[in-house]
Amino acid sequence: MHTIRLRKQWTRTVDGDPPMEKIDVPDMASFGSDAATSVTYRRTFNQTTGIEQASVRLRVSQWDGTLFKLALNGCDCTIDLEQTSIDADITDALQKHNELVLVIKPTSDSVAGLSGDVSLAIED
């Protein structure tokens, strides 16, 4: 298995309003319920060459708040958003150029932020 960490270059938008900030993940900033109703993280990446017969899994280790949406290339991923981490097969959804979007909302007792690692696990 080969793992690609999606650390750089993400963009973060708070409440859907500009400015869009360029950040690295894990994101050390957090947004409380007074400051934001949602935080959107976006990351583009190209499909790795030479993986035609491989399985690709998206792994998100941790976030603060509630994961409200997870989309790849404009399509919502069918996962349980109540999980505390994600390990999902995205092989069939990959395209030559991809965009990953995560929307996180604060809860009454938690801030919102992408505080864990995001990676692609490629399995032969």
PDB file of N, CA and C in Angstrom:
ATOM      1  N   MET A   1       0.843  -1.179   0.000  1.00  0.00           N
ATOM      2  CA  MET A   1       0.000   0.000   0.000  1.00  0.00           C
ATOM      3  C   MET A   1       0.892   1.247   0.000  1.00  0.00           C
ATOM      4  N   HIS A   2       0.446   2.246  -0.744  1.00  0.00           N
ATOM      5  CA  HIS A   2       1.145   3.519  -0.834  1.00  0.00           C
ATOM      6  C   HIS A   2       0.194   4.617  -0.347  1.00  0.00           C
ATOM      7  N   THR A   3       0.686   5.531   0.470  1.00  0.00           N
ATOM      8  CA  THR A   3      -0.148   6.597   1.011  1.00  0.00           C
ATOM      9  C   THR A   3       0.353   7.951   0.526  1.00  0.00           C
ATOM     10  N   ILE A   4      -0.587   8.764   0.038  1.00  0.00           N
ATOM     11  CA  ILE A   4      -0.291  10.126  -0.373  1.00  0.00           C
ATOM     12  C   ILE A   4      -1.024  11.063   0.581  1.00  0.00           C
ATOM     13  N   ARG A   5      -0.276  11.852   1.313  1.00  0.00           N
ATOM     14  CA  ARG A   5      -0.887  12.802   2.245  1.00  0.00           C
ATOM     15  C   ARG A   5      -1.263  14.069   1.494  1.00  0.00           C
ATOM     16  N   LEU A   6      -2.485  14.501   1.668  1.00  0.00           N
ATOM     17  CA  LEU A   6      -2.976  15.720   1.030  1.00  0.00           C
ATOM     18  C   LEU A   6      -2.822  16.875   2.020  1.00  0.00           C
ATOM     19  N   ARG A   7      -1.589  17.333   2.195  1.00  0.00           N
ATOM     20  CA  ARG A   7      -1.290  18.358   3.190  1.00  0.00           C
ATOM     21  C   ARG A   7      -1.390  19.761   2.624  1.00  0.00           C
ATOM     22  N   LYS A   8      -0.811  19.979   1.476  1.00  0.00           N
ATOM     23  CA  LYS A   8      -0.739  21.319   0.887  1.00  0.00           C
ATOM     24  C   LYS A   8      -1.459  21.303  -0.430  1.00  0.00           C
ATOM     25  N   GLN A   9      -1.923  22.098  -0.916  1.00  0.00           N
ATOM     26  CA  GLN A   9      -2.424  23.422  -0.783  1.00  0.00           C
ATOM     27  C   GLN A   9      -3.939  23.341  -0.757  1.00  0.00           C
ATOM     28  N   TRP A  10      -4.510  23.490   0.387  1.00  0.00           N
ATOM     29  CA  TRP A  10      -5.955  23.540   0.589  1.00  0.00           C
ATOM     30  C   TRP A  10      -6.395  24.998   0.591  1.00  0.00           C
ATOM     31  N   THR A  11      -7.674  25.200   0.361  1.00  0.00           N
ATOM     32  CA  THR A  11      -8.259  26.522   0.593  1.00  0.00           C
ATOM     33  C   THR A  11      -9.334  26.377   1.654  1.00  0.00           C
ATOM     34  N   ARG A  12      -9.491  27.431   2.434  1.00  0.00           N
ATOM     35  CA  ARG A  12     -10.489  27.443   3.500  1.00  0.00           C
ATOM     36  C   ARG A  12     -11.350  28.696   3.330  1.00  0.00           C
ATOM     37  N   THR A  13     -12.661  28.497   3.377  1.00  0.00           N
ATOM     38  CA  THR A  13     -13.610  29.596   3.313  1.00  0.00           C
ATOM     39  C   THR A  13     -14.526  29.493   4.526  1.00  0.00           C
ATOM     40  N   VAL A  14     -14.700  30.588   5.225  1.00  0.00           N
ATOM     41  CA  VAL A  14     -15.579  30.619   6.397  1.00  0.00           C
ATOM     42  C   VAL A  14     -16.908  31.229   5.983  1.00  0.00           C
ATOM     43  N   ASP A  15     -17.983  30.509   6.245  1.00  0.00           N
ATOM     44  CA  ASP A  15     -19.347  30.938   5.919  1.00  0.00           C
ATOM     45  C   ASP A  15     -19.553  31.206   4.431  1.00  0.00           C
ATOM     46  N   GLY A  16     -18.738  30.606   3.579  1.00  0.00           N
ATOM     47  CA  GLY A  16     -18.908  30.749   2.142  1.00  0.00           C
ATOM     48  C   GLY A  16     -18.524  32.107   1.597  1.00  0.00           C
ATOM     49  N   ASP A  17     -17.966  32.956   2.441  1.00  0.00           N
ATOM     50  CA  ASP A  17     -17.611  34.307   2.011  1.00  0.00           C
ATOM     51  C   ASP A  17     -16.122  34.404   1.712  1.00  0.00           C
ATOM     52  N   PRO A  18     -15.771  35.217   0.703  1.00  0.00           N
ATOM     53  CA  PRO A  18     -14.344  35.502   0.502  1.00  0.00           C
ATOM     54  C   PRO A  18     -13.815  36.214   1.743  1.00  0.00           C
ATOM     55  N   PRO A  19     -12.576  36.220   2.063  1.00  0.00           N
ATOM     56  CA  PRO A  19     -11.521  35.691   1.208  1.00  0.00           C
ATOM     57  C   PRO A  19     -11.327  34.195   1.412  1.00  0.00           C
ATOM     58  N   MET A  20     -10.858  33.553   0.369  1.00  0.00           N
ATOM     59  CA  MET A  20     -10.508  32.151   0.427  1.00  0.00           C
ATOM     60  C   MET A  20      -9.040  32.088   0.840  1.00  0.00           C
ATOM     61  N   GLU A  21      -8.766  31.468   1.970  1.00  0.00           N
ATOM     62  CA  GLU A  21      -7.401  31.411   2.482  1.00  0.00           C
ATOM     63  C   GLU A  21      -6.715  30.124   2.041  1.00  0.00           C
ATOM     64  N   LYS A  22      -5.438  30.215   1.697  1.00  0.00           N
ATOM     65  CA  LYS A  22      -4.643  29.024   1.390  1.00  0.00           C
ATOM     66  C   LYS A  22      -4.044  28.523   2.695  1.00  0.00           C
ATOM     67  N   ILE A  23      -4.231  27.240   2.948  1.00  0.00           N
ATOM     68  CA  ILE A  23      -3.782  26.659   4.215  1.00  0.00           C
ATOM     69  C   ILE A  23      -3.197  25.271   3.989  1.00  0.00           C
ATOM     70  N   ASP A  24      -2.591  24.734   5.024  1.00  0.00           N
ATOM     71  CA  ASP A  24      -2.146  23.347   5.062  1.00  0.00           C
ATOM     72  C   ASP A  24      -3.041  22.593   6.025  1.00  0.00           C
ATOM     73  N   VAL A  25      -3.162  21.303   5.809  1.00  0.00           N
ATOM     74  CA  VAL A  25      -3.953  20.434   6.677  1.00  0.00           C
ATOM     75  C   VAL A  25      -3.009  19.427   7.315  1.00  0.00           C
ATOM     76  N   PRO A  26      -3.109  19.199   8.623  1.00  0.00           N
ATOM     77  CA  PRO A  26      -4.126  19.660   9.554  1.00  0.00           C
ATOM     78  C   PRO A  26      -4.108  21.173   9.726  1.00  0.00           C
ATOM     79  N   ASP A  27      -5.311  21.717   9.927  1.00  0.00           N
ATOM     80  CA  ASP A  27      -5.511  23.146  10.092  1.00  0.00           C
ATOM     81  C   ASP A  27      -5.506  23.460  11.582  1.00  0.00           C
ATOM     82  N   MET A  28      -4.572  24.285  11.996  1.00  0.00           N
ATOM     83  CA  MET A  28      -4.454  24.599  13.419  1.00  0.00           C
ATOM     84  C   MET A  28      -5.461  25.655  13.865  1.00  0.00           C
ATOM     85  N   ALA A  29      -6.107  26.337  12.923  1.00  0.00           N
ATOM     86  CA  ALA A  29      -7.136  27.322  13.291  1.00  0.00           C
ATOM     87  C   ALA A  29      -8.443  26.583  13.537  1.00  0.00           C
ATOM     88  N   SER A  30      -9.275  27.145  14.373  1.00  0.00           N
ATOM     89  CA  SER A  30     -10.598  26.574  14.618  1.00  0.00           C
ATOM     90  C   SER A  30     -11.583  27.724  14.720  1.00  0.00           C
ATOM     91  N   PHE A  31     -12.822  27.416  14.422  1.00  0.00           N
ATOM     92  CA  PHE A  31     -13.842  28.444  14.346  1.00  0.00           C
ATOM     93  C   PHE A  31     -15.003  28.045  15.236  1.00  0.00           C
ATOM     94  N   GLY A  32     -15.309  28.892  16.215  1.00  0.00           N
ATOM     95  CA  GLY A  32     -16.385  28.615  17.148  1.00  0.00           C
ATOM     96  C   GLY A  32     -17.733  29.000  16.584  1.00  0.00           C
ATOM     97  N   SER A  33     -18.766  28.628  17.282  1.00  0.00           N
ATOM     98  CA  SER A  33     -20.129  28.863  16.809  1.00  0.00           C
ATOM     99  C   SER A  33     -20.446  30.348  16.670  1.00  0.00           C
ATOM    100  N   ASP A  34     -19.761  31.217  17.422  1.00  0.00           N
ATOM    101  CA  ASP A  34     -19.991  32.650  17.269  1.00  0.00           C
ATOM    102  C   ASP A  34     -19.342  33.189  15.999  1.00  0.00           C
ATOM    103  N   ALA A  35     -18.249  32.556  15.570  1.00  0.00           N
ATOM    104  CA  ALA A  35     -17.485  33.079  14.438  1.00  0.00           C
ATOM    105  C   ALA A  35     -17.933  32.512  13.099  1.00  0.00           C
ATOM    106  N   ALA A  36     -18.536  31.329  13.083  1.00  0.00           N
ATOM    107  CA  ALA A  36     -18.822  30.707  11.793  1.00  0.00           C
ATOM    108  C   ALA A  36     -20.004  29.764  11.883  1.00  0.00           C
ATOM    109  N   THR A  37     -20.754  29.687  10.807  1.00  0.00           N
ATOM    110  CA  THR A  37     -21.784  28.668  10.711  1.00  0.00           C
ATOM    111  C   THR A  37     -21.281  27.482   9.910  1.00  0.00           C
ATOM    112  N   SER A  38     -20.250  27.680   9.078  1.00  0.00           N
ATOM    113  CA  SER A  38     -19.629  26.558   8.382  1.00  0.00           C
ATOM    114  C   SER A  38     -18.236  26.943   7.899  1.00  0.00           C
ATOM    115  N   VAL A  39     -17.383  25.946   7.807  1.00  0.00           N
ATOM    116  CA  VAL A  39     -16.031  26.130   7.288  1.00  0.00           C
ATOM    117  C   VAL A  39     -15.881  25.132   6.140  1.00  0.00           C
ATOM    118  N   THR A  40     -15.533  25.636   4.961  1.00  0.00           N
ATOM    119  CA  THR A  40     -15.397  24.788   3.772  1.00  0.00           C
ATOM    120  C   THR A  40     -13.923  24.658   3.412  1.00  0.00           C
ATOM    121  N   TYR A  41     -13.494  23.412   3.267  1.00  0.00           N
ATOM    122  CA  TYR A  41     -12.125  23.099   2.866  1.00  0.00           C
ATOM    123  C   TYR A  41     -12.167  22.499   1.462  1.00  0.00           C
ATOM    124  N   ARG A  42     -11.284  22.965   0.577  1.00  0.00           N
ATOM    125  CA  ARG A  42     -11.205  22.449  -0.795  1.00  0.00           C
ATOM    126  C   ARG A  42      -9.766  22.088  -1.124  1.00  0.00           C
ATOM    127  N   ARG A  43      -9.632  20.976  -1.850  1.00  0.00           N
ATOM    128  CA  ARG A  43      -8.303  20.531  -2.286  1.00  0.00           C
ATOM    129  C   ARG A  43      -8.452  19.881  -3.647  1.00  0.00           C
ATOM    130  N   THR A  44      -7.658  20.329  -4.600  1.00  0.00           N
ATOM    131  CA  THR A  44      -7.640  19.681  -5.908  1.00  0.00           C
ATOM    132  C   THR A  44      -6.423  18.770  -5.984  1.00  0.00           C
ATOM    133  N   PHE A  45      -6.557  17.705  -6.761  1.00  0.00           N
ATOM    134  CA  PHE A  45      -5.442  16.790  -6.969  1.00  0.00           C
ATOM    135  C   PHE A  45      -5.683  16.029  -8.264  1.00  0.00           C
ATOM    136  N   ASN A  46      -4.597  15.593  -8.866  1.00  0.00           N
ATOM    137  CA  ASN A  46      -4.684  14.799 -10.089  1.00  0.00           C
ATOM    138  C   ASN A  46      -4.668  13.325  -9.741  1.00  0.00           C
ATOM    139  N   GLN A  47      -5.277  12.537 -10.626  1.00  0.00           N
ATOM    140  CA  GLN A  47      -5.249  11.095 -10.423  1.00  0.00           C
ATOM    141  C   GLN A  47      -3.820  10.602 -10.626  1.00  0.00           C
ATOM    142  N   THR A  48      -3.379   9.783  -9.719  1.00  0.00           N
ATOM    143  CA  THR A  48      -2.042   9.225  -9.805  1.00  0.00           C
ATOM    144  C   THR A  48      -1.955   8.295 -11.005  1.00  0.00           C
ATOM    145  N   THR A  49      -0.893   8.415 -11.763  1.00  0.00           N
ATOM    146  CA  THR A  49      -0.735   7.555 -12.936  1.00  0.00           C
ATOM    147  C   THR A  49      -0.293   6.159 -12.510  1.00  0.00           C
ATOM    148  N   GLY A  50      -0.637   5.184 -13.340  1.00  0.00           N
ATOM    149  CA  GLY A  50      -0.222   3.813 -13.101  1.00  0.00           C
ATOM    150  C   GLY A  50      -1.018   3.081 -12.042  1.00  0.00           C
ATOM    151  N   ILE A  51      -2.238   3.553 -11.719  1.00  0.00           N
ATOM    152  CA  ILE A  51      -3.040   2.882 -10.688  1.00  0.00           C
ATOM    153  C   ILE A  51      -4.336   2.324 -11.273  1.00  0.00           C
ATOM    154  N   GLU A  52      -4.326   2.026 -12.557  1.00  0.00           N
ATOM    155  CA  GLU A  52      -5.548   1.585 -13.220  1.00  0.00           C
ATOM    156  C   GLU A  52      -6.198   0.383 -12.550  1.00  0.00           C
ATOM    157  N   GLN A  53      -5.414  -0.501 -11.974  1.00  0.00           N
ATOM    158  CA  GLN A  53      -5.958  -1.699 -11.340  1.00  0.00           C
ATOM    159  C   GLN A  53      -5.918  -1.621  -9.814  1.00  0.00           C
ATOM    160  N   ALA A  54      -5.617  -0.456  -9.297  1.00  0.00           N
ATOM    161  CA  ALA A  54      -5.509  -0.298  -7.849  1.00  0.00           C
ATOM    162  C   ALA A  54      -6.802   0.251  -7.272  1.00  0.00           C
ATOM    163  N   SER A  55      -6.974   0.031  -5.997  1.00  0.00           N
ATOM    164  CA  SER A  55      -8.082   0.594  -5.232  1.00  0.00           C
ATOM    165  C   SER A  55      -7.560   1.829  -4.502  1.00  0.00           C
ATOM    166  N   VAL A  56      -8.362   2.910  -4.490  1.00  0.00           N
ATOM    167  CA  VAL A  56      -7.949   4.139  -3.822  1.00  0.00           C
ATOM    168  C   VAL A  56      -8.969   4.456  -2.726  1.00  0.00           C
ATOM    169  N   ARG A  57      -8.447   4.689  -1.534  1.00  0.00           N
ATOM    170  CA  ARG A  57      -9.292   5.003  -0.390  1.00  0.00           C
ATOM    171  C   ARG A  57      -8.963   6.406   0.109  1.00  0.00           C
ATOM    172  N   LEU A  58     -10.009   7.151   0.447  1.00  0.00           N
ATOM    173  CA  LEU A  58      -9.858   8.460   1.064  1.00  0.00           C
ATOM    174  C   LEU A  58      -9.903   8.271   2.568  1.00  0.00           C
ATOM    175  N   ARG A  59      -8.910   8.833   3.243  1.00  0.00           N
ATOM    176  CA  ARG A  59      -8.863   8.725   4.701  1.00  0.00           C
ATOM    177  C   ARG A  59      -8.775  10.119   5.315  1.00  0.00           C
ATOM    178  N   VAL A  60      -9.698  10.400   6.217  1.00  0.00           N
ATOM    179  CA  VAL A  60      -9.704  11.647   6.987  1.00  0.00           C
ATOM    180  C   VAL A  60      -9.660  11.220   8.443  1.00  0.00           C
ATOM    181  N   SER A  61      -8.594  11.601   9.138  1.00  0.00           N
ATOM    182  CA  SER A  61      -8.389  11.058  10.483  1.00  0.00           C
ATOM    183  C   SER A  61      -9.192  11.776  11.569  1.00  0.00           C
ATOM    184  N   GLN A  62      -9.454  13.085  11.394  1.00  0.00           N
ATOM    185  CA  GLN A  62     -10.111  13.798  12.494  1.00  0.00           C
ATOM    186  C   GLN A  62     -10.576  15.173  12.037  1.00  0.00           C
ATOM    187  N   TRP A  63     -11.661  15.627  12.628  1.00  0.00           N
ATOM    188  CA  TRP A  63     -12.130  16.999  12.478  1.00  0.00           C
ATOM    189  C   TRP A  63     -12.806  17.406  13.771  1.00  0.00           C
ATOM    190  N   ASP A  64     -12.924  18.702  13.968  1.00  0.00           N
ATOM    191  CA  ASP A  64     -13.617  19.237  15.134  1.00  0.00           C
ATOM    192  C   ASP A  64     -14.949  19.797  14.661  1.00  0.00           C
ATOM    193  N   GLY A  65     -16.017  19.520  15.381  1.00  0.00           N
ATOM    194  CA  GLY A  65     -17.352  19.940  14.981  1.00  0.00           C
ATOM    195  C   GLY A  65     -18.066  18.788  14.290  1.00  0.00           C
ATOM    196  N   THR A  66     -19.003  19.140  13.409  1.00  0.00           N
ATOM    197  CA  THR A  66     -19.795  18.148  12.685  1.00  0.00           C
ATOM    198  C   THR A  66     -19.446  18.198  11.208  1.00  0.00           C
ATOM    199  N   LEU A  67     -19.083  17.048  10.649  1.00  0.00           N
ATOM    200  CA  LEU A  67     -18.859  16.971   9.212  1.00  0.00           C
ATOM    201  C   LEU A  67     -20.218  17.018   8.532  1.00  0.00           C
ATOM    202  N   PHE A  68     -20.475  18.112   7.843  1.00  0.00           N
ATOM    203  CA  PHE A  68     -21.780  18.359   7.234  1.00  0.00           C
ATOM    204  C   PHE A  68     -21.842  17.829   5.797  1.00  0.00           C
ATOM    205  N   LYS A  69     -20.705  17.887   5.084  1.00  0.00           N
ATOM    206  CA  LYS A  69     -20.686  17.459   3.688  1.00  0.00           C
ATOM    207  C   LYS A  69     -19.291  16.990   3.312  1.00  0.00           C
ATOM    208  N   LEU A  70     -19.250  15.934   2.508  1.00  0.00           N
ATOM    209  CA  LEU A  70     -18.015  15.448   1.907  1.00  0.00           C
ATOM    210  C   LEU A  70     -18.336  15.167   0.452  1.00  0.00           C
ATOM    211  N   ALA A  71     -17.672  15.872  -0.457  1.00  0.00           N
ATOM    212  CA  ALA A  71     -17.956  15.714  -1.885  1.00  0.00           C
ATOM    213  C   ALA A  71     -16.650  15.537  -2.657  1.00  0.00           C
ATOM    214  N   LEU A  72     -16.723  14.714  -3.690  1.00  0.00           N
ATOM    215  CA  LEU A  72     -15.601  14.512  -4.600  1.00  0.00           C
ATOM    216  C   LEU A  72     -16.119  14.779  -6.002  1.00  0.00           C
ATOM    217  N   ASN A  73     -15.518  15.749  -6.662  1.00  0.00           N
ATOM    218  CA  ASN A  73     -15.900  16.126  -8.034  1.00  0.00           C
ATOM    219  C   ASN A  73     -17.368  16.506  -8.147  1.00  0.00           C
ATOM    220  N   GLY A  74     -17.866  17.214  -7.141  1.00  0.00           N
ATOM    221  CA  GLY A  74     -19.230  17.713  -7.167  1.00  0.00           C
ATOM    222  C   GLY A  74     -20.297  16.725  -6.743  1.00  0.00           C
ATOM    223  N   CYS A  75     -19.919  15.494  -6.436  1.00  0.00           N
ATOM    224  CA  CYS A  75     -20.888  14.474  -6.009  1.00  0.00           C
ATOM    225  C   CYS A  75     -20.684  14.178  -4.524  1.00  0.00           C
ATOM    226  N   ASP A  76     -21.776  14.228  -3.774  1.00  0.00           N
ATOM    227  CA  ASP A  76     -21.693  13.893  -2.359  1.00  0.00           C
ATOM    228  C   ASP A  76     -21.288  12.433  -2.192  1.00  0.00           C
ATOM    229  N   CYS A  77     -20.363  12.198  -1.301  1.00  0.00           N
ATOM    230  CA  CYS A  77     -19.934  10.829  -1.004  1.00  0.00           C
ATOM    231  C   CYS A  77     -20.959  10.191  -0.077  1.00  0.00           C
ATOM    232  N   THR A  78     -21.285   8.963  -0.344  1.00  0.00           N
ATOM    233  CA  THR A  78     -22.269   8.251   0.473  1.00  0.00           C
ATOM    234  C   THR A  78     -21.552   7.567   1.631  1.00  0.00           C
ATOM    235  N   ILE A  79     -21.357   8.351   2.686  1.00  0.00           N
ATOM    236  CA  ILE A  79     -20.716   7.846   3.900  1.00  0.00           C
ATOM    237  C   ILE A  79     -21.547   8.303   5.086  1.00  0.00           C
ATOM    238  N   ASP A  80     -21.307   7.683   6.205  1.00  0.00           N
ATOM    239  CA  ASP A  80     -21.961   8.073   7.451  1.00  0.00           C
ATOM    240  C   ASP A  80     -21.231   9.291   8.002  1.00  0.00           C
ATOM    241  N   LEU A  81     -21.858  10.460   7.922  1.00  0.00           N
ATOM    242  CA  LEU A  81     -21.216  11.691   8.377  1.00  0.00           C
ATOM    243  C   LEU A  81     -21.104  11.773   9.895  1.00  0.00           C
ATOM    244  N   GLU A  82     -21.700  10.815  10.601  1.00  0.00           N
ATOM    245  CA  GLU A  82     -21.613  10.792  12.071  1.00  0.00           C
ATOM    246  C   GLU A  82     -20.348  10.098  12.556  1.00  0.00           C
ATOM    247  N   GLN A  83     -19.562   9.544  11.649  1.00  0.00           N
ATOM    248  CA  GLN A  83     -18.327   8.871  12.027  1.00  0.00           C
ATOM    249  C   GLN A  83     -17.345   9.865  12.626  1.00  0.00           C
ATOM    250  N   THR A  84     -16.352   9.364  13.327  1.00  0.00           N
ATOM    251  CA  THR A  84     -15.304  10.227  13.861  1.00  0.00           C
ATOM    252  C   THR A  84     -14.070  10.248  12.969  1.00  0.00           C
ATOM    253  N   SER A  85     -14.026   9.366  11.976  1.00  0.00           N
ATOM    254  CA  SER A  85     -12.978   9.359  10.955  1.00  0.00           C
ATOM    255  C   SER A  85     -13.574   8.727   9.699  1.00  0.00           C
ATOM    256  N   ILE A  86     -12.873   8.880   8.575  1.00  0.00           N
ATOM    257  CA  ILE A  86     -13.375   8.361   7.306  1.00  0.00           C
ATOM    258  C   ILE A  86     -12.324   7.481   6.664  1.00  0.00           C
ATOM    259  N   ASP A  87     -12.775   6.356   6.136  1.00  0.00           N
ATOM    260  CA  ASP A  87     -11.950   5.463   5.326  1.00  0.00           C
ATOM    261  C   ASP A  87     -12.883   4.936   4.241  1.00  0.00           C
ATOM    262  N   ALA A  88     -12.930   5.636   3.095  1.00  0.00           N
ATOM    263  CA  ALA A  88     -13.921   5.334   2.061  1.00  0.00           C
ATOM    264  C   ALA A  88     -13.255   5.021   0.728  1.00  0.00           C
ATOM    265  N   ASP A  89     -13.787   4.035   0.036  1.00  0.00           N
ATOM    266  CA  ASP A  89     -13.309   3.675  -1.294  1.00  0.00           C
ATOM    267  C   ASP A  89     -13.819   4.717  -2.292  1.00  0.00           C
ATOM    268  N   ILE A  90     -12.895   5.410  -2.965  1.00  0.00           N
ATOM    269  CA  ILE A  90     -13.268   6.438  -3.939  1.00  0.00           C
ATOM    270  C   ILE A  90     -12.795   6.090  -5.349  1.00  0.00           C
ATOM    271  N   THR A  91     -12.391   4.854  -5.546  1.00  0.00           N
ATOM    272  CA  THR A  91     -11.809   4.434  -6.820  1.00  0.00           C
ATOM    273  C   THR A  91     -12.680   4.808  -8.004  1.00  0.00           C
ATOM    274  N   ASP A  92     -13.960   4.475  -7.950  1.00  0.00           N
ATOM    275  CA  ASP A  92     -14.854   4.704  -9.090  1.00  0.00           C
ATOM    276  C   ASP A  92     -15.178   6.177  -9.314  1.00  0.00           C
ATOM    277  N   ALA A  93     -14.983   7.008  -8.316  1.00  0.00           N
ATOM    278  CA  ALA A  93     -15.315   8.434  -8.424  1.00  0.00           C
ATOM    279  C   ALA A  93     -14.148   9.278  -8.936  1.00  0.00           C
ATOM    280  N   LEU A  94     -12.953   8.704  -8.981  1.00  0.00           N
ATOM    281  CA  LEU A  94     -11.782   9.483  -9.397  1.00  0.00           C
ATOM    282  C   LEU A  94     -11.836   9.833 -10.875  1.00  0.00           C
ATOM    283  N   GLN A  95     -11.361  11.031 -11.175  1.00  0.00           N
ATOM    284  CA  GLN A  95     -11.225  11.512 -12.543  1.00  0.00           C
ATOM    285  C   GLN A  95      -9.779  11.941 -12.745  1.00  0.00           C
ATOM    286  N   LYS A  96      -9.468  12.384 -13.943  1.00  0.00           N
ATOM    287  CA  LYS A  96      -8.102  12.835 -14.208  1.00  0.00           C
ATOM    288  C   LYS A  96      -7.737  14.008 -13.293  1.00  0.00           C
ATOM    289  N   HIS A  97      -8.664  14.962 -13.131  1.00  0.00           N
ATOM    290  CA  HIS A  97      -8.501  16.099 -12.221  1.00  0.00           C
ATOM    291  C   HIS A  97      -9.637  16.030 -11.206  1.00  0.00           C
ATOM    292  N   ASN A  98      -9.331  16.164  -9.917  1.00  0.00           N
ATOM    293  CA  ASN A  98     -10.312  15.944  -8.847  1.00  0.00           C
ATOM    294  C   ASN A  98     -10.375  17.140  -7.910  1.00  0.00           C
ATOM    295  N   GLU A  99     -11.562  17.329  -7.323  1.00  0.00           N
ATOM    296  CA  GLU A  99     -11.728  18.333  -6.279  1.00  0.00           C
ATOM    297  C   GLU A  99     -12.444  17.688  -5.097  1.00  0.00           C
ATOM    298  N   LEU A 100     -11.808  17.782  -3.942  1.00  0.00           N
ATOM    299  CA  LEU A 100     -12.361  17.265  -2.694  1.00  0.00           C
ATOM    300  C   LEU A 100     -12.862  18.442  -1.870  1.00  0.00           C
ATOM    301  N   VAL A 101     -14.097  18.339  -1.356  1.00  0.00           N
ATOM    302  CA  VAL A 101     -14.693  19.410  -0.553  1.00  0.00           C
ATOM    303  C   VAL A 101     -15.211  18.819   0.752  1.00  0.00           C
ATOM    304  N   LEU A 102     -14.833  19.421   1.866  1.00  0.00           N
ATOM    305  CA  LEU A 102     -15.361  19.067   3.178  1.00  0.00           C
ATOM    306  C   LEU A 102     -15.955  20.314   3.801  1.00  0.00           C
ATOM    307  N   VAL A 103     -17.181  20.204   4.301  1.00  0.00           N
ATOM    308  CA  VAL A 103     -17.828  21.309   5.001  1.00  0.00           C
ATOM    309  C   VAL A 103     -18.040  20.868   6.439  1.00  0.00           C
ATOM    310  N   ILE A 104     -17.521  21.657   7.361  1.00  0.00           N
ATOM    311  CA  ILE A 104     -17.594  21.331   8.786  1.00  0.00           C
ATOM    312  C   ILE A 104     -18.306  22.466   9.498  1.00  0.00           C
ATOM    313  N   LYS A 105     -19.233  22.085  10.386  1.00  0.00           N
ATOM    314  CA  LYS A 105     -19.977  23.077  11.169  1.00  0.00           C
ATOM    315  C   LYS A 105     -19.662  22.898  12.641  1.00  0.00           C
ATOM    316  N   PRO A 106     -19.612  24.007  13.379  1.00  0.00           N
ATOM    317  CA  PRO A 106     -19.408  23.884  14.824  1.00  0.00           C
ATOM    318  C   PRO A 106     -20.660  23.330  15.486  1.00  0.00           C
ATOM    319  N   THR A 107     -20.487  22.774  16.657  1.00  0.00           N
ATOM    320  CA  THR A 107     -21.629  22.332  17.467  1.00  0.00           C
ATOM    321  C   THR A 107     -21.717  23.241  18.683  1.00  0.00           C
ATOM    322  N   SER A 108     -22.709  23.021  19.506  1.00  0.00           N
ATOM    323  CA  SER A 108     -22.865  23.867  20.693  1.00  0.00           C
ATOM    324  C   SER A 108     -21.692  23.730  21.653  1.00  0.00           C
ATOM    325  N   ASP A 109     -20.983  22.590  21.588  1.00  0.00           N
ATOM    326  CA  ASP A 109     -19.857  22.397  22.502  1.00  0.00           C
ATOM    327  C   ASP A 109     -18.538  22.137  21.789  1.00  0.00           C
ATOM    328  N   SER A 110     -18.472  22.433  20.479  1.00  0.00           N
ATOM    329  CA  SER A 110     -17.247  22.175  19.737  1.00  0.00           C
ATOM    330  C   SER A 110     -17.065  23.203  18.632  1.00  0.00           C
ATOM    331  N   VAL A 111     -15.816  23.521  18.369  1.00  0.00           N
ATOM    332  CA  VAL A 111     -15.478  24.421  17.270  1.00  0.00           C
ATOM    333  C   VAL A 111     -15.482  23.640  15.955  1.00  0.00           C
ATOM    334  N   ALA A 112     -15.293  24.328  14.835  1.00  0.00           N
ATOM    335  CA  ALA A 112     -15.229  23.671  13.531  1.00  0.00           C
ATOM    336  C   ALA A 112     -13.825  23.799  12.970  1.00  0.00           C
ATOM    337  N   GLY A 113     -13.288  22.694  12.479  1.00  0.00           N
ATOM    338  CA  GLY A 113     -11.968  22.735  11.865  1.00  0.00           C
ATOM    339  C   GLY A 113     -11.536  21.356  11.413  1.00  0.00           C
ATOM    340  N   LEU A 114     -10.666  21.317  10.429  1.00  0.00           N
ATOM    341  CA  LEU A 114     -10.112  20.064   9.903  1.00  0.00           C
ATOM    342  C   LEU A 114      -8.787  19.831  10.610  1.00  0.00           C
ATOM    343  N   SER A 115      -8.849  19.156  11.735  1.00  0.00           N
ATOM    344  CA  SER A 115      -7.711  19.041  12.648  1.00  0.00           C
ATOM    345  C   SER A 115      -6.872  17.786  12.439  1.00  0.00           C
ATOM    346  N   GLY A 116      -7.267  16.923  11.507  1.00  0.00           N
ATOM    347  CA  GLY A 116      -6.523  15.692  11.272  1.00  0.00           C
ATOM    348  C   GLY A 116      -5.930  15.623   9.886  1.00  0.00           C
ATOM    349  N   ASP A 117      -5.279  14.515   9.617  1.00  0.00           N
ATOM    350  CA  ASP A 117      -4.672  14.275   8.313  1.00  0.00           C
ATOM    351  C   ASP A 117      -5.708  13.835   7.303  1.00  0.00           C
ATOM    352  N   VAL A 118      -5.465  14.175   6.033  1.00  0.00           N
ATOM    353  CA  VAL A 118      -6.262  13.697   4.912  1.00  0.00           C
ATOM    354  C   VAL A 118      -5.288  13.023   3.958  1.00  0.00           C
ATOM    355  N   SER A 119      -5.619  11.803   3.536  1.00  0.00           N
ATOM    356  CA  SER A 119      -4.696  11.071   2.664  1.00  0.00           C
ATOM    357  C   SER A 119      -5.450  10.166   1.701  1.00  0.00           C
ATOM    358  N   LEU A 120      -4.725   9.756   0.669  1.00  0.00           N
ATOM    359  CA  LEU A 120      -5.204   8.754  -0.267  1.00  0.00           C
ATOM    360  C   LEU A 120      -4.370   7.508  -0.052  1.00  0.00           C
ATOM    361  N   ALA A 121      -5.021   6.374   0.154  1.00  0.00           N
ATOM    362  CA  ALA A 121      -4.325   5.097   0.328  1.00  0.00           C
ATOM    363  C   ALA A 121      -4.533   4.293  -0.946  1.00  0.00           C
ATOM    364  N   ILE A 122      -3.448   3.949  -1.608  1.00  0.00           N
ATOM    365  CA  ILE A 122      -3.512   3.218  -2.864  1.00  0.00           C
ATOM    366  C   ILE A 122      -3.110   1.775  -2.580  1.00  0.00           C
ATOM    367  N   GLU A 123      -4.056   0.859  -2.862  1.00  0.00           N
ATOM    368  CA  GLU A 123      -3.835  -0.553  -2.579  1.00  0.00           C
ATOM    369  C   GLU A 123      -3.841  -1.331  -3.887  1.00  0.00           C
ATOM    370  N   ASP A 124      -2.805  -2.131  -4.097  1.00  0.00           N
ATOM    371  CA  ASP A 124      -2.728  -2.962  -5.312  1.00  0.00           C
ATOM    372  C   ASP A 124      -3.694  -4.114  -5.248  1.00  0.00           C
TER     373      ASP A 124
END
